């Protein structure tokens, strides 16, 4: 006996349960994302460190030159300074 609900009532009951499960899954995903520090719309650390956080100073210098942040004269001066500091290391 269905107490007046019929087949349509059972369908709405199952649909409501599925919607609650989807809502709980979305809430769990949002909390997990916030807990990992990704934020809502951030690109994550890959945008800040395209080739990883352990880049060498030479790689950083080359990337800055490629992006146009520094000109050729500045690049050459910084490159010479990097090479001289590498040679002076024990």
PDB file of N, CA and C in Angstrom:
ATOM      1  N   UNK A   1       0.834  -1.176   0.000  1.00  0.00           N
ATOM      2  CA  UNK A   1       0.000   0.000   0.000  1.00  0.00           C
ATOM      3  C   UNK A   1       0.882   1.243   0.000  1.00  0.00           C
ATOM      4  N   UNK A   2       0.573   2.235  -0.823  1.00  0.00           N
ATOM      5  CA  UNK A   2       1.420   3.396  -1.019  1.00  0.00           C
ATOM      6  C   UNK A   2       0.936   4.628  -0.257  1.00  0.00           C
ATOM      7  N   UNK A   3      -0.141   4.598   0.404  1.00  0.00           N
ATOM      8  CA  UNK A   3      -0.716   5.706   1.156  1.00  0.00           C
ATOM      9  C   UNK A   3      -0.902   6.955   0.302  1.00  0.00           C
ATOM     10  N   UNK A   4      -1.305   6.770  -0.922  1.00  0.00           N
ATOM     11  CA  UNK A   4      -1.622   7.886  -1.797  1.00  0.00           C
ATOM     12  C   UNK A   4      -0.445   8.442  -2.576  1.00  0.00           C
ATOM     13  N   UNK A   5       0.748   7.877  -2.424  1.00  0.00           N
ATOM     14  CA  UNK A   5       1.881   8.426  -3.167  1.00  0.00           C
ATOM     15  C   UNK A   5       1.948   7.892  -4.590  1.00  0.00           C
ATOM     16  N   UNK A   6       1.705   6.642  -4.802  1.00  0.00           N
ATOM     17  CA  UNK A   6       1.754   6.045  -6.125  1.00  0.00           C
ATOM     18  C   UNK A   6       3.178   5.991  -6.658  1.00  0.00           C
ATOM     19  N   UNK A   7       3.308   5.681  -7.924  1.00  0.00           N
ATOM     20  CA  UNK A   7       4.632   5.582  -8.541  1.00  0.00           C
ATOM     21  C   UNK A   7       5.303   6.940  -8.650  1.00  0.00           C
ATOM     22  N   UNK A   8       4.544   7.981  -8.919  1.00  0.00           N
ATOM     23  CA  UNK A   8       5.114   9.315  -9.035  1.00  0.00           C
ATOM     24  C   UNK A   8       5.731   9.782  -7.733  1.00  0.00           C
ATOM     25  N   UNK A   9       5.126   9.437  -6.604  1.00  0.00           N
ATOM     26  CA  UNK A   9       5.662   9.826  -5.310  1.00  0.00           C
ATOM     27  C   UNK A   9       6.982   9.149  -5.018  1.00  0.00           C
ATOM     28  N   UNK A  10       7.106   7.890  -5.406  1.00  0.00           N
ATOM     29  CA  UNK A  10       8.356   7.169  -5.201  1.00  0.00           C
ATOM     30  C   UNK A  10       9.470   7.766  -6.065  1.00  0.00           C
ATOM     31  N   UNK A  11       9.125   8.181  -7.271  1.00  0.00           N
ATOM     32  CA  UNK A  11      10.106   8.790  -8.149  1.00  0.00           C
ATOM     33  C   UNK A  11      10.661  10.074  -7.534  1.00  0.00           C
ATOM     34  N   UNK A  12       9.773  10.904  -6.994  1.00  0.00           N
ATOM     35  CA  UNK A  12      10.224  12.161  -6.375  1.00  0.00           C
ATOM     36  C   UNK A  12      11.051  11.900  -5.126  1.00  0.00           C
ATOM     37  N   UNK A  13      10.718  10.848  -4.404  1.00  0.00           N
ATOM     38  CA  UNK A  13      11.485  10.512  -3.212  1.00  0.00           C
ATOM     39  C   UNK A  13      12.916  10.097  -3.594  1.00  0.00           C
ATOM     40  N   UNK A  14      13.067   9.266  -4.618  1.00  0.00           N
ATOM     41  CA  UNK A  14      14.391   8.852  -5.070  1.00  0.00           C
ATOM     42  C   UNK A  14      15.156  10.022  -5.674  1.00  0.00           C
ATOM     43  N   UNK A  15      14.473  10.858  -6.433  1.00  0.00           N
ATOM     44  CA  UNK A  15      15.121  12.022  -7.020  1.00  0.00           C
ATOM     45  C   UNK A  15      15.632  12.965  -5.935  1.00  0.00           C
ATOM     46  N   UNK A  16      14.862  13.155  -4.885  1.00  0.00           N
ATOM     47  CA  UNK A  16      15.293  13.990  -3.766  1.00  0.00           C
ATOM     48  C   UNK A  16      16.522  13.421  -3.075  1.00  0.00           C
ATOM     49  N   UNK A  17      16.556  12.099  -2.897  1.00  0.00           N
ATOM     50  CA  UNK A  17      17.717  11.463  -2.264  1.00  0.00           C
ATOM     51  C   UNK A  17      18.966  11.631  -3.133  1.00  0.00           C
ATOM     52  N   UNK A  18      18.825  11.470  -4.435  1.00  0.00           N
ATOM     53  CA  UNK A  18      19.960  11.627  -5.347  1.00  0.00           C
ATOM     54  C   UNK A  18      20.443  13.076  -5.333  1.00  0.00           C
ATOM     55  N   UNK A  19      19.545  14.026  -5.328  1.00  0.00           N
ATOM     56  CA  UNK A  19      19.940  15.432  -5.289  1.00  0.00           C
ATOM     57  C   UNK A  19      20.689  15.762  -4.000  1.00  0.00           C
ATOM     58  N   UNK A  20      20.258  15.204  -2.878  1.00  0.00           N
ATOM     59  CA  UNK A  20      20.978  15.419  -1.614  1.00  0.00           C
ATOM     60  C   UNK A  20      22.383  14.831  -1.672  1.00  0.00           C
ATOM     61  N   UNK A  21      22.513  13.651  -2.278  1.00  0.00           N
ATOM     62  CA  UNK A  21      23.840  13.056  -2.421  1.00  0.00           C
ATOM     63  C   UNK A  21      24.752  13.909  -3.293  1.00  0.00           C
ATOM     64  N   UNK A  22      24.221  14.462  -4.379  1.00  0.00           N
ATOM     65  CA  UNK A  22      25.005  15.348  -5.241  1.00  0.00           C
ATOM     66  C   UNK A  22      25.417  16.600  -4.477  1.00  0.00           C
ATOM     67  N   UNK A  23      24.502  17.156  -3.698  1.00  0.00           N
ATOM     68  CA  UNK A  23      24.808  18.341  -2.909  1.00  0.00           C
ATOM     69  C   UNK A  23      25.897  18.058  -1.878  1.00  0.00           C
ATOM     70  N   UNK A  24      25.833  16.931  -1.203  1.00  0.00           N
ATOM     71  CA  UNK A  24      26.850  16.571  -0.220  1.00  0.00           C
ATOM     72  C   UNK A  24      28.207  16.319  -0.885  1.00  0.00           C
ATOM     73  N   UNK A  25      28.206  15.704  -2.053  1.00  0.00           N
ATOM     74  CA  UNK A  25      29.461  15.469  -2.776  1.00  0.00           C
ATOM     75  C   UNK A  25      30.087  16.795  -3.208  1.00  0.00           C
ATOM     76  N   UNK A  26      29.281  17.736  -3.669  1.00  0.00           N
ATOM     77  CA  UNK A  26      29.794  19.049  -4.068  1.00  0.00           C
ATOM     78  C   UNK A  26      30.350  19.802  -2.866  1.00  0.00           C
ATOM     79  N   UNK A  27      29.693  19.700  -1.732  1.00  0.00           N
ATOM     80  CA  UNK A  27      30.177  20.353  -0.520  1.00  0.00           C
ATOM     81  C   UNK A  27      31.505  19.731  -0.063  1.00  0.00           C
ATOM     82  N   UNK A  28      31.614  18.413  -0.123  1.00  0.00           N
ATOM     83  CA  UNK A  28      32.861  17.746   0.256  1.00  0.00           C
ATOM     84  C   UNK A  28      33.993  18.154  -0.683  1.00  0.00           C
ATOM     85  N   UNK A  29      33.713  18.240  -1.989  1.00  0.00           N
ATOM     86  CA  UNK A  29      34.720  18.659  -2.954  1.00  0.00           C
ATOM     87  C   UNK A  29      35.189  20.088  -2.667  1.00  0.00           C
ATOM     88  N   UNK A  30      34.243  20.991  -2.369  1.00  0.00           N
ATOM     89  CA  UNK A  30      34.590  22.384  -2.095  1.00  0.00           C
ATOM     90  C   UNK A  30      35.446  22.495  -0.828  1.00  0.00           C
ATOM     91  N   UNK A  31      35.092  21.773   0.205  1.00  0.00           N
ATOM     92  CA  UNK A  31      35.876  21.816   1.439  1.00  0.00           C
ATOM     93  C   UNK A  31      37.273  21.229   1.219  1.00  0.00           C
ATOM     94  N   UNK A  32      37.374  20.173   0.456  1.00  0.00           N
ATOM     95  CA  UNK A  32      38.673  19.567   0.154  1.00  0.00           C
ATOM     96  C   UNK A  32      39.548  20.535  -0.627  1.00  0.00           C
ATOM     97  N   UNK A  33      38.954  21.205  -1.599  1.00  0.00           N
ATOM     98  CA  UNK A  33      39.704  22.160  -2.420  1.00  0.00           C
ATOM     99  C   UNK A  33      40.175  23.343  -1.584  1.00  0.00           C
ATOM    100  N   UNK A  34      39.333  23.841  -0.704  1.00  0.00           N
ATOM    101  CA  UNK A  34      39.735  24.949   0.155  1.00  0.00           C
ATOM    102  C   UNK A  34      40.798  24.519   1.155  1.00  0.00           C
ATOM    103  N   UNK A  35      40.696  23.302   1.665  1.00  0.00           N
ATOM    104  CA  UNK A  35      41.669  22.813   2.640  1.00  0.00           C
ATOM    105  C   UNK A  35      43.055  22.652   2.015  1.00  0.00           C
ATOM    106  N   UNK A  36      43.113  22.341   0.733  1.00  0.00           N
ATOM    107  CA  UNK A  36      44.403  22.203   0.054  1.00  0.00           C
ATOM    108  C   UNK A  36      44.958  23.546  -0.377  1.00  0.00           C
ATOM    109  N   UNK A  37      44.239  24.631  -0.148  1.00  0.00           N
ATOM    110  CA  UNK A  37      44.736  25.965  -0.451  1.00  0.00           C
ATOM    111  C   UNK A  37      44.628  26.359  -1.905  1.00  0.00           C
ATOM    112  N   UNK A  38      43.802  25.692  -2.668  1.00  0.00           N
ATOM    113  CA  UNK A  38      43.680  26.014  -4.081  1.00  0.00           C
ATOM    114  C   UNK A  38      42.747  27.198  -4.307  1.00  0.00           C
ATOM    115  N   UNK A  39      41.847  27.464  -3.400  1.00  0.00           N
ATOM    116  CA  UNK A  39      40.889  28.550  -3.612  1.00  0.00           C
ATOM    117  C   UNK A  39      39.838  28.141  -4.624  1.00  0.00           C
ATOM    118  N   UNK A  40      38.988  29.076  -4.971  1.00  0.00           N
ATOM    119  CA  UNK A  40      37.902  28.760  -5.900  1.00  0.00           C
ATOM    120  C   UNK A  40      38.356  28.842  -7.347  1.00  0.00           C
ATOM    121  N   UNK A  41      39.077  29.901  -7.707  1.00  0.00           N
ATOM    122  CA  UNK A  41      39.381  30.125  -9.109  1.00  0.00           C
ATOM    123  C   UNK A  41      40.872  30.167  -9.401  1.00  0.00           C
ATOM    124  N   UNK A  42      41.710  29.779  -8.466  1.00  0.00           N
ATOM    125  CA  UNK A  42      43.149  29.898  -8.674  1.00  0.00           C
ATOM    126  C   UNK A  42      43.656  28.797  -9.599  1.00  0.00           C
ATOM    127  N   UNK A  43      44.776  29.079 -10.218  1.00  0.00           N
ATOM    128  CA  UNK A  43      45.411  28.121 -11.113  1.00  0.00           C
ATOM    129  C   UNK A  43      46.291  27.146 -10.357  1.00  0.00           C
ATOM    130  N   UNK A  44      46.581  27.430  -9.092  1.00  0.00           N
ATOM    131  CA  UNK A  44      47.456  26.576  -8.322  1.00  0.00           C
ATOM    132  C   UNK A  44      48.905  26.984  -8.495  1.00  0.00           C
ATOM    133  N   UNK A  45      49.817  26.246  -7.892  1.00  0.00           N
ATOM    134  CA  UNK A  45      51.213  26.637  -7.946  1.00  0.00           C
ATOM    135  C   UNK A  45      51.845  26.499  -9.323  1.00  0.00           C
ATOM    136  N   UNK A  46      51.223  25.768 -10.241  1.00  0.00           N
ATOM    137  CA  UNK A  46      51.824  25.588 -11.553  1.00  0.00           C
ATOM    138  C   UNK A  46      51.909  26.892 -12.330  1.00  0.00           C
ATOM    139  N   UNK A  47      51.056  27.851 -12.036  1.00  0.00           N
ATOM    140  CA  UNK A  47      51.119  29.127 -12.731  1.00  0.00           C
ATOM    141  C   UNK A  47      52.302  29.954 -12.231  1.00  0.00           C
ATOM    142  N   UNK A  48      52.606  29.864 -10.962  1.00  0.00           N
ATOM    143  CA  UNK A  48      53.721  30.619 -10.414  1.00  0.00           C
ATOM    144  C   UNK A  48      55.056  30.003 -10.791  1.00  0.00           C
ATOM    145  N   UNK A  49      55.106  28.690 -10.836  1.00  0.00           N
ATOM    146  CA  UNK A  49      56.334  27.977 -11.143  1.00  0.00           C
ATOM    147  C   UNK A  49      56.083  27.063 -12.331  1.00  0.00           C
ATOM    148  N   UNK A  50      56.167  27.581 -13.564  1.00  0.00           N
ATOM    149  CA  UNK A  50      55.825  26.754 -14.717  1.00  0.00           C
ATOM    150  C   UNK A  50      56.682  25.504 -14.858  1.00  0.00           C
ATOM    151  N   UNK A  51      57.944  25.576 -14.477  1.00  0.00           N
ATOM    152  CA  UNK A  51      58.784  24.392 -14.623  1.00  0.00           C
ATOM    153  C   UNK A  51      59.160  23.807 -13.267  1.00  0.00           C
ATOM    154  N   UNK A  52      58.359  24.089 -12.261  1.00  0.00           N
ATOM    155  CA  UNK A  52      58.604  23.542 -10.938  1.00  0.00           C
ATOM    156  C   UNK A  52      59.272  24.555 -10.023  1.00  0.00           C
ATOM    157  N   UNK A  53      59.130  24.368  -8.722  1.00  0.00           N
ATOM    158  CA  UNK A  53      59.683  25.334  -7.774  1.00  0.00           C
ATOM    159  C   UNK A  53      61.198  25.245  -7.635  1.00  0.00           C
ATOM    160  N   UNK A  54      61.823  24.205  -8.148  1.00  0.00           N
ATOM    161  CA  UNK A  54      63.270  24.017  -7.993  1.00  0.00           C
ATOM    162  C   UNK A  54      64.032  24.408  -9.259  1.00  0.00           C
ATOM    163  N   UNK A  55      63.672  25.559  -9.821  1.00  0.00           N
ATOM    164  CA  UNK A  55      64.362  26.031 -11.020  1.00  0.00           C
ATOM    165  C   UNK A  55      65.708  26.636 -10.637  1.00  0.00           C
ATOM    166  N   UNK A  56      66.643  26.535 -11.534  1.00  0.00           N
ATOM    167  CA  UNK A  56      67.956  27.128 -11.292  1.00  0.00           C
ATOM    168  C   UNK A  56      67.888  28.630 -11.584  1.00  0.00           C
ATOM    169  N   UNK A  57      68.832  29.389 -11.046  1.00  0.00           N
ATOM    170  CA  UNK A  57      68.860  30.830 -11.344  1.00  0.00           C
ATOM    171  C   UNK A  57      68.998  31.113 -12.845  1.00  0.00           C
ATOM    172  N   UNK A  58      69.728  30.254 -13.551  1.00  0.00           N
ATOM    173  CA  UNK A  58      69.882  30.442 -14.991  1.00  0.00           C
ATOM    174  C   UNK A  58      68.549  30.270 -15.709  1.00  0.00           C
ATOM    175  N   UNK A  59      67.758  29.280 -15.298  1.00  0.00           N
ATOM    176  CA  UNK A  59      66.440  29.077 -15.904  1.00  0.00           C
ATOM    177  C   UNK A  59      65.529  30.267 -15.646  1.00  0.00           C
ATOM    178  N   UNK A  60      65.570  30.791 -14.434  1.00  0.00           N
ATOM    179  CA  UNK A  60      64.744  31.955 -14.101  1.00  0.00           C
ATOM    180  C   UNK A  60      65.154  33.150 -14.954  1.00  0.00           C
ATOM    181  N   UNK A  61      66.458  33.356 -15.094  1.00  0.00           N
ATOM    182  CA  UNK A  61      66.959  34.459 -15.903  1.00  0.00           C
ATOM    183  C   UNK A  61      66.530  34.310 -17.363  1.00  0.00           C
ATOM    184  N   UNK A  62      66.637  33.114 -17.905  1.00  0.00           N
ATOM    185  CA  UNK A  62      66.229  32.877 -19.291  1.00  0.00           C
ATOM    186  C   UNK A  62      64.730  33.099 -19.482  1.00  0.00           C
ATOM    187  N   UNK A  63      63.926  32.677 -18.511  1.00  0.00           N
ATOM    188  CA  UNK A  63      62.474  32.887 -18.606  1.00  0.00           C
ATOM    189  C   UNK A  63      62.130  34.369 -18.553  1.00  0.00           C
ATOM    190  N   UNK A  64      62.803  35.125 -17.694  1.00  0.00           N
ATOM    191  CA  UNK A  64      62.549  36.562 -17.609  1.00  0.00           C
ATOM    192  C   UNK A  64      62.908  37.252 -18.924  1.00  0.00           C
ATOM    193  N   UNK A  65      64.016  36.846 -19.532  1.00  0.00           N
ATOM    194  CA  UNK A  65      64.421  37.419 -20.816  1.00  0.00           C
ATOM    195  C   UNK A  65      63.422  37.041 -21.913  1.00  0.00           C
ATOM    196  N   UNK A  66      62.971  35.800 -21.903  1.00  0.00           N
ATOM    197  CA  UNK A  66      62.012  35.341 -22.911  1.00  0.00           C
ATOM    198  C   UNK A  66      60.673  36.064 -22.782  1.00  0.00           C
ATOM    199  N   UNK A  67      60.267  36.391 -21.566  1.00  0.00           N
ATOM    200  CA  UNK A  67      59.011  37.116 -21.360  1.00  0.00           C
ATOM    201  C   UNK A  67      59.141  38.608 -21.649  1.00  0.00           C
ATOM    202  N   UNK A  68      60.373  39.084 -21.832  1.00  0.00           N
ATOM    203  CA  UNK A  68      60.572  40.497 -22.120  1.00  0.00           C
ATOM    204  C   UNK A  68      60.661  41.373 -20.886  1.00  0.00           C
ATOM    205  N   UNK A  69      60.849  40.766 -19.725  1.00  0.00           N
ATOM    206  CA  UNK A  69      60.955  41.542 -18.488  1.00  0.00           C
ATOM    207  C   UNK A  69      62.279  42.293 -18.409  1.00  0.00           C
ATOM    208  N   UNK A  70      63.327  41.743 -19.028  1.00  0.00           N
ATOM    209  CA  UNK A  70      64.640  42.390 -19.028  1.00  0.00           C
ATOM    210  C   UNK A  70      65.148  42.461 -20.464  1.00  0.00           C
ATOM    211  N   UNK A  71      65.999  43.450 -20.729  1.00  0.00           N
ATOM    212  CA  UNK A  71      66.547  43.595 -22.082  1.00  0.00           C
ATOM    213  C   UNK A  71      67.837  42.785 -22.222  1.00  0.00           C
ATOM    214  N   UNK A  72      68.415  42.811 -23.417  1.00  0.00           N
ATOM    215  CA  UNK A  72      69.600  41.987 -23.709  1.00  0.00           C
ATOM    216  C   UNK A  72      70.801  42.402 -22.871  1.00  0.00           C
ATOM    217  N   UNK A  73      70.989  43.710 -22.672  1.00  0.00           N
ATOM    218  CA  UNK A  73      72.137  44.177 -21.889  1.00  0.00           C
ATOM    219  C   UNK A  73      72.028  43.713 -20.435  1.00  0.00           C
ATOM    220  N   UNK A  74      70.845  43.806 -19.870  1.00  0.00           N
ATOM    221  CA  UNK A  74      70.625  43.352 -18.495  1.00  0.00           C
ATOM    222  C   UNK A  74      70.814  41.840 -18.406  1.00  0.00           C
ATOM    223  N   UNK A  75      70.305  41.122 -19.408  1.00  0.00           N
ATOM    224  CA  UNK A  75      70.467  39.669 -19.430  1.00  0.00           C
ATOM    225  C   UNK A  75      71.941  39.295 -19.439  1.00  0.00           C
ATOM    226  N   UNK A  76      72.730  39.952 -20.316  1.00  0.00           N
ATOM    227  CA  UNK A  76      74.165  39.642 -20.405  1.00  0.00           C
ATOM    228  C   UNK A  76      74.886  39.954 -19.102  1.00  0.00           C
ATOM    229  N   UNK A  77      74.541  41.078 -18.484  1.00  0.00           N
ATOM    230  CA  UNK A  77      75.194  41.452 -17.224  1.00  0.00           C
ATOM    231  C   UNK A  77      74.850  40.456 -16.115  1.00  0.00           C
ATOM    232  N   UNK A  78      73.593  40.078 -16.031  1.00  0.00           N
ATOM    233  CA  UNK A  78      73.181  39.125 -14.990  1.00  0.00           C
ATOM    234  C   UNK A  78      73.768  37.736 -15.257  1.00  0.00           C
ATOM    235  N   UNK A  79      73.857  37.361 -16.525  1.00  0.00           N
ATOM    236  CA  UNK A  79      74.431  36.070 -16.877  1.00  0.00           C
ATOM    237  C   UNK A  79      75.916  36.026 -16.491  1.00  0.00           C
ATOM    238  N   UNK A  80      76.625  37.115 -16.755  1.00  0.00           N
ATOM    239  CA  UNK A  80      78.035  37.167 -16.377  1.00  0.00           C
ATOM    240  C   UNK A  80      78.191  37.096 -14.864  1.00  0.00           C
ATOM    241  N   UNK A  81      77.314  37.766 -14.145  1.00  0.00           N
ATOM    242  CA  UNK A  81      77.367  37.727 -12.684  1.00  0.00           C
ATOM    243  C   UNK A  81      77.068  36.320 -12.169  1.00  0.00           C
ATOM    244  N   UNK A  82      76.110  35.655 -12.768  1.00  0.00           N
ATOM    245  CA  UNK A  82      75.794  34.267 -12.364  1.00  0.00           C
ATOM    246  C   UNK A  82      76.968  33.338 -12.608  1.00  0.00           C
ATOM    247  N   UNK A  83      77.582  33.460 -13.762  1.00  0.00           N
ATOM    248  CA  UNK A  83      78.702  32.582 -14.093  1.00  0.00           C
ATOM    249  C   UNK A  83      79.902  32.844 -13.187  1.00  0.00           C
ATOM    250  N   UNK A  84      80.132  34.111 -12.857  1.00  0.00           N
ATOM    251  CA  UNK A  84      81.267  34.409 -11.951  1.00  0.00           C
ATOM    252  C   UNK A  84      80.989  33.903 -10.534  1.00  0.00           C
ATOM    253  N   UNK A  85      79.742  33.944 -10.115  1.00  0.00           N
ATOM    254  CA  UNK A  85      79.436  33.429  -8.777  1.00  0.00           C
ATOM    255  C   UNK A  85      79.519  31.904  -8.740  1.00  0.00           C
ATOM    256  N   UNK A  86      79.202  31.248  -9.846  1.00  0.00           N
ATOM    257  CA  UNK A  86      79.340  29.786  -9.898  1.00  0.00           C
ATOM    258  C   UNK A  86      80.798  29.370  -9.894  1.00  0.00           C
ATOM    259  N   UNK A  87      81.664  30.163 -10.535  1.00  0.00           N
ATOM    260  CA  UNK A  87      83.091  29.826 -10.582  1.00  0.00           C
ATOM    261  C   UNK A  87      83.763  30.045  -9.223  1.00  0.00           C
ATOM    262  N   UNK A  88      83.250  31.005  -8.459  1.00  0.00           N
ATOM    263  CA  UNK A  88      83.877  31.302  -7.160  1.00  0.00           C
ATOM    264  C   UNK A  88      83.438  30.339  -6.066  1.00  0.00           C
ATOM    265  N   UNK A  89      82.443  29.512  -6.342  1.00  0.00           N
ATOM    266  CA  UNK A  89      82.009  28.527  -5.336  1.00  0.00           C
ATOM    267  C   UNK A  89      83.043  27.423  -5.206  1.00  0.00           C
ATOM    268  N   UNK A  90      83.217  26.902  -3.983  1.00  0.00           N
ATOM    269  CA  UNK A  90      84.194  25.810  -3.794  1.00  0.00           C
ATOM    270  C   UNK A  90      83.719  24.496  -4.361  1.00  0.00           C
TER     271      UNK A  90
END
